[in-house]
N, C-alpha and C. Protein backbone atom coordinates (compact mmCIF):
# COMPACT_ATOMS: atom_id res chain seq x y z
N MET A 1 11.46 -1.13 -7.47
CA MET A 1 10.99 -1.26 -6.12
C MET A 1 11.48 -0.06 -5.31
N ASN A 2 10.83 0.22 -4.26
CA ASN A 2 11.15 1.39 -3.43
C ASN A 2 12.44 1.15 -2.65
N ALA A 3 13.40 2.04 -2.84
CA ALA A 3 14.69 1.91 -2.18
C ALA A 3 14.66 2.43 -0.75
N ARG A 4 13.59 3.11 -0.37
CA ARG A 4 13.51 3.71 0.97
C ARG A 4 12.95 2.76 2.01
N LEU A 5 12.29 1.71 1.59
CA LEU A 5 11.76 0.72 2.52
C LEU A 5 12.61 -0.54 2.46
N THR A 6 12.65 -1.27 3.56
CA THR A 6 13.36 -2.54 3.57
C THR A 6 12.54 -3.58 2.82
N GLU A 7 13.20 -4.66 2.44
CA GLU A 7 12.47 -5.74 1.77
C GLU A 7 11.37 -6.28 2.66
N GLN A 8 11.63 -6.34 3.96
CA GLN A 8 10.63 -6.83 4.91
C GLN A 8 9.42 -5.89 4.96
N GLN A 9 9.66 -4.58 4.95
CA GLN A 9 8.55 -3.63 4.96
C GLN A 9 7.74 -3.73 3.67
N ILE A 10 8.42 -3.84 2.53
CA ILE A 10 7.72 -3.98 1.25
C ILE A 10 6.89 -5.26 1.25
N ALA A 11 7.47 -6.34 1.73
CA ALA A 11 6.74 -7.62 1.79
C ALA A 11 5.53 -7.50 2.70
N GLY A 12 5.66 -6.75 3.81
CA GLY A 12 4.54 -6.56 4.72
C GLY A 12 3.38 -5.84 4.05
N VAL A 13 3.71 -4.78 3.30
CA VAL A 13 2.67 -4.04 2.57
C VAL A 13 2.04 -4.95 1.52
N GLN A 14 2.88 -5.69 0.80
CA GLN A 14 2.36 -6.59 -0.22
C GLN A 14 1.46 -7.66 0.39
N ASP A 15 1.83 -8.19 1.54
CA ASP A 15 1.00 -9.20 2.21
C ASP A 15 -0.39 -8.63 2.53
N ILE A 16 -0.42 -7.39 3.00
CA ILE A 16 -1.70 -6.73 3.30
C ILE A 16 -2.52 -6.58 2.02
N LEU A 17 -1.89 -6.10 0.95
CA LEU A 17 -2.60 -5.91 -0.31
C LEU A 17 -3.10 -7.24 -0.86
N MET A 18 -2.28 -8.28 -0.78
CA MET A 18 -2.69 -9.59 -1.29
C MET A 18 -3.89 -10.12 -0.50
N ASP A 19 -3.86 -9.93 0.80
CA ASP A 19 -4.94 -10.41 1.66
C ASP A 19 -6.23 -9.63 1.43
N GLU A 20 -6.13 -8.32 1.40
CA GLU A 20 -7.32 -7.47 1.27
C GLU A 20 -7.92 -7.49 -0.13
N LEU A 21 -7.07 -7.60 -1.16
CA LEU A 21 -7.56 -7.48 -2.54
C LEU A 21 -7.60 -8.81 -3.29
N ASP A 22 -7.15 -9.87 -2.63
CA ASP A 22 -7.13 -11.20 -3.26
C ASP A 22 -6.39 -11.15 -4.60
N VAL A 23 -5.18 -10.60 -4.56
CA VAL A 23 -4.33 -10.54 -5.75
C VAL A 23 -3.04 -11.29 -5.46
N LYS A 24 -2.28 -11.55 -6.52
CA LYS A 24 -1.00 -12.24 -6.39
C LYS A 24 0.13 -11.20 -6.28
N ARG A 25 1.21 -11.61 -5.66
CA ARG A 25 2.36 -10.71 -5.48
C ARG A 25 2.84 -10.15 -6.82
N GLU A 26 2.78 -10.96 -7.88
CA GLU A 26 3.24 -10.52 -9.20
C GLU A 26 2.43 -9.33 -9.73
N GLN A 27 1.21 -9.19 -9.28
CA GLN A 27 0.35 -8.09 -9.72
C GLN A 27 0.70 -6.77 -9.04
N LEU A 28 1.49 -6.83 -7.98
CA LEU A 28 1.79 -5.65 -7.18
C LEU A 28 3.02 -4.92 -7.69
N THR A 29 2.97 -4.55 -8.95
CA THR A 29 4.05 -3.77 -9.55
C THR A 29 3.96 -2.34 -9.02
N PRO A 30 5.07 -1.61 -9.03
CA PRO A 30 5.04 -0.24 -8.51
C PRO A 30 3.97 0.64 -9.16
N GLY A 31 3.73 0.47 -10.44
CA GLY A 31 2.77 1.31 -11.14
C GLY A 31 1.33 0.84 -11.08
N ALA A 32 1.09 -0.31 -10.45
CA ALA A 32 -0.28 -0.84 -10.37
C ALA A 32 -1.14 0.09 -9.53
N GLN A 33 -2.28 0.51 -10.09
CA GLN A 33 -3.20 1.39 -9.38
C GLN A 33 -4.12 0.56 -8.50
N LEU A 34 -4.27 1.02 -7.26
CA LEU A 34 -5.05 0.26 -6.29
C LEU A 34 -6.48 0.03 -6.75
N VAL A 35 -7.11 1.06 -7.29
CA VAL A 35 -8.51 0.96 -7.68
C VAL A 35 -8.65 0.34 -9.08
N GLU A 36 -8.05 0.97 -10.05
CA GLU A 36 -8.27 0.54 -11.43
C GLU A 36 -7.62 -0.79 -11.78
N ASP A 37 -6.40 -1.03 -11.31
CA ASP A 37 -5.70 -2.26 -11.69
C ASP A 37 -5.92 -3.42 -10.73
N LEU A 38 -6.03 -3.10 -9.44
CA LEU A 38 -6.12 -4.15 -8.43
C LEU A 38 -7.53 -4.36 -7.90
N GLY A 39 -8.47 -3.53 -8.35
CA GLY A 39 -9.88 -3.72 -8.01
C GLY A 39 -10.30 -3.28 -6.63
N ALA A 40 -9.51 -2.42 -5.99
CA ALA A 40 -9.89 -1.94 -4.65
C ALA A 40 -11.08 -0.99 -4.74
N ASP A 41 -11.98 -1.09 -3.78
CA ASP A 41 -13.04 -0.10 -3.66
C ASP A 41 -12.72 0.75 -2.42
N SER A 42 -13.57 1.70 -2.13
CA SER A 42 -13.26 2.63 -1.03
C SER A 42 -13.14 1.91 0.31
N LEU A 43 -13.94 0.89 0.54
CA LEU A 43 -13.84 0.12 1.78
C LEU A 43 -12.52 -0.63 1.86
N ASP A 44 -12.11 -1.23 0.73
CA ASP A 44 -10.83 -1.92 0.68
C ASP A 44 -9.69 -0.97 1.05
N VAL A 45 -9.72 0.23 0.48
CA VAL A 45 -8.66 1.20 0.74
C VAL A 45 -8.62 1.56 2.23
N VAL A 46 -9.78 1.76 2.83
CA VAL A 46 -9.84 2.07 4.26
C VAL A 46 -9.25 0.92 5.07
N GLN A 47 -9.60 -0.30 4.72
CA GLN A 47 -9.08 -1.46 5.45
C GLN A 47 -7.57 -1.60 5.27
N ILE A 48 -7.07 -1.35 4.07
CA ILE A 48 -5.64 -1.41 3.81
C ILE A 48 -4.92 -0.37 4.66
N VAL A 49 -5.43 0.85 4.65
CA VAL A 49 -4.82 1.93 5.42
C VAL A 49 -4.81 1.58 6.91
N MET A 50 -5.92 1.08 7.42
CA MET A 50 -6.00 0.74 8.83
C MET A 50 -5.00 -0.35 9.21
N ARG A 51 -4.86 -1.35 8.36
CA ARG A 51 -3.92 -2.43 8.66
C ARG A 51 -2.48 -1.95 8.60
N ILE A 52 -2.16 -1.11 7.62
CA ILE A 52 -0.80 -0.57 7.54
C ILE A 52 -0.50 0.29 8.76
N GLU A 53 -1.47 1.11 9.15
CA GLU A 53 -1.28 1.96 10.33
C GLU A 53 -1.05 1.11 11.58
N GLU A 54 -1.81 0.04 11.71
CA GLU A 54 -1.69 -0.83 12.88
C GLU A 54 -0.35 -1.57 12.90
N ILE A 55 0.04 -2.13 11.78
CA ILE A 55 1.26 -2.93 11.72
C ILE A 55 2.52 -2.08 11.82
N PHE A 56 2.51 -0.93 11.14
CA PHE A 56 3.72 -0.10 11.09
C PHE A 56 3.69 1.06 12.09
N HIS A 57 2.61 1.18 12.85
CA HIS A 57 2.49 2.22 13.89
C HIS A 57 2.69 3.63 13.31
N VAL A 58 1.94 3.91 12.25
CA VAL A 58 1.99 5.21 11.58
C VAL A 58 0.57 5.70 11.34
N THR A 59 0.45 6.95 10.91
CA THR A 59 -0.82 7.50 10.46
C THR A 59 -0.62 7.93 9.02
N LEU A 60 -1.38 7.35 8.11
CA LEU A 60 -1.22 7.66 6.69
C LEU A 60 -2.12 8.80 6.28
N THR A 61 -1.70 9.52 5.27
CA THR A 61 -2.45 10.67 4.77
C THR A 61 -3.57 10.22 3.84
N ASP A 62 -4.42 11.17 3.49
CA ASP A 62 -5.53 10.89 2.58
C ASP A 62 -5.07 10.57 1.16
N GLU A 63 -3.80 10.83 0.85
CA GLU A 63 -3.30 10.55 -0.50
C GLU A 63 -3.49 9.10 -0.89
N VAL A 64 -3.46 8.21 0.09
CA VAL A 64 -3.60 6.79 -0.19
C VAL A 64 -4.95 6.49 -0.82
N ALA A 65 -5.97 7.23 -0.40
CA ALA A 65 -7.33 6.97 -0.86
C ALA A 65 -7.62 7.57 -2.23
N GLU A 66 -6.67 8.32 -2.78
CA GLU A 66 -6.91 8.90 -4.10
C GLU A 66 -7.08 7.81 -5.14
N LYS A 67 -7.94 8.06 -6.09
CA LYS A 67 -8.21 7.07 -7.12
C LYS A 67 -6.95 6.70 -7.90
N GLU A 68 -6.04 7.66 -8.05
CA GLU A 68 -4.83 7.42 -8.82
C GLU A 68 -3.73 6.77 -7.98
N GLY A 69 -4.03 6.38 -6.75
CA GLY A 69 -3.02 5.81 -5.87
C GLY A 69 -2.44 4.53 -6.44
N THR A 70 -1.12 4.47 -6.45
CA THR A 70 -0.43 3.28 -6.95
C THR A 70 0.25 2.56 -5.78
N VAL A 71 0.72 1.37 -6.06
CA VAL A 71 1.47 0.62 -5.06
C VAL A 71 2.71 1.42 -4.67
N GLU A 72 3.41 2.00 -5.64
CA GLU A 72 4.61 2.80 -5.35
C GLU A 72 4.26 4.01 -4.48
N LYS A 73 3.14 4.66 -4.76
CA LYS A 73 2.71 5.82 -3.97
C LYS A 73 2.49 5.39 -2.51
N LEU A 74 1.91 4.22 -2.33
CA LEU A 74 1.69 3.68 -0.98
C LEU A 74 3.03 3.47 -0.28
N TYR A 75 4.02 2.90 -0.99
CA TYR A 75 5.36 2.72 -0.42
C TYR A 75 5.96 4.08 -0.03
N GLU A 76 5.83 5.06 -0.91
CA GLU A 76 6.41 6.38 -0.66
C GLU A 76 5.78 7.05 0.57
N ILE A 77 4.47 6.97 0.67
CA ILE A 77 3.78 7.57 1.81
C ILE A 77 4.21 6.88 3.10
N LEU A 78 4.31 5.54 3.07
CA LEU A 78 4.74 4.81 4.26
C LEU A 78 6.18 5.19 4.62
N ALA A 79 7.06 5.25 3.64
CA ALA A 79 8.45 5.62 3.89
C ALA A 79 8.53 7.02 4.51
N ASP A 80 7.73 7.94 3.99
CA ASP A 80 7.70 9.30 4.56
C ASP A 80 7.29 9.26 6.02
N GLU A 81 6.24 8.50 6.32
CA GLU A 81 5.75 8.43 7.69
C GLU A 81 6.75 7.74 8.63
N LEU A 82 7.53 6.82 8.08
CA LEU A 82 8.53 6.12 8.89
C LEU A 82 9.83 6.92 8.98
N GLY A 83 9.90 8.02 8.24
CA GLY A 83 11.09 8.84 8.25
C GLY A 83 12.27 8.21 7.52
N GLN A 84 11.96 7.43 6.50
CA GLN A 84 13.01 6.73 5.75
C GLN A 84 13.22 7.39 4.39
């Protein structure tokens, strides 16, 4: 798990992913790919990014939308934006 985010922040991201992608928390391993493993499409990714930006008051980079984006990559990008 990402050591740069708090457990509450990680849970918040996971809650968004579970809601948007209809997956279980157990599926949200650090290496799980948003598109290939969790079934996200481009609209899902946009909605995930928008919700994270709204909840955490940040602006995320385009890296999140990359096809190879993983749950861990999402945590890292959020931590960078939060300055953690």
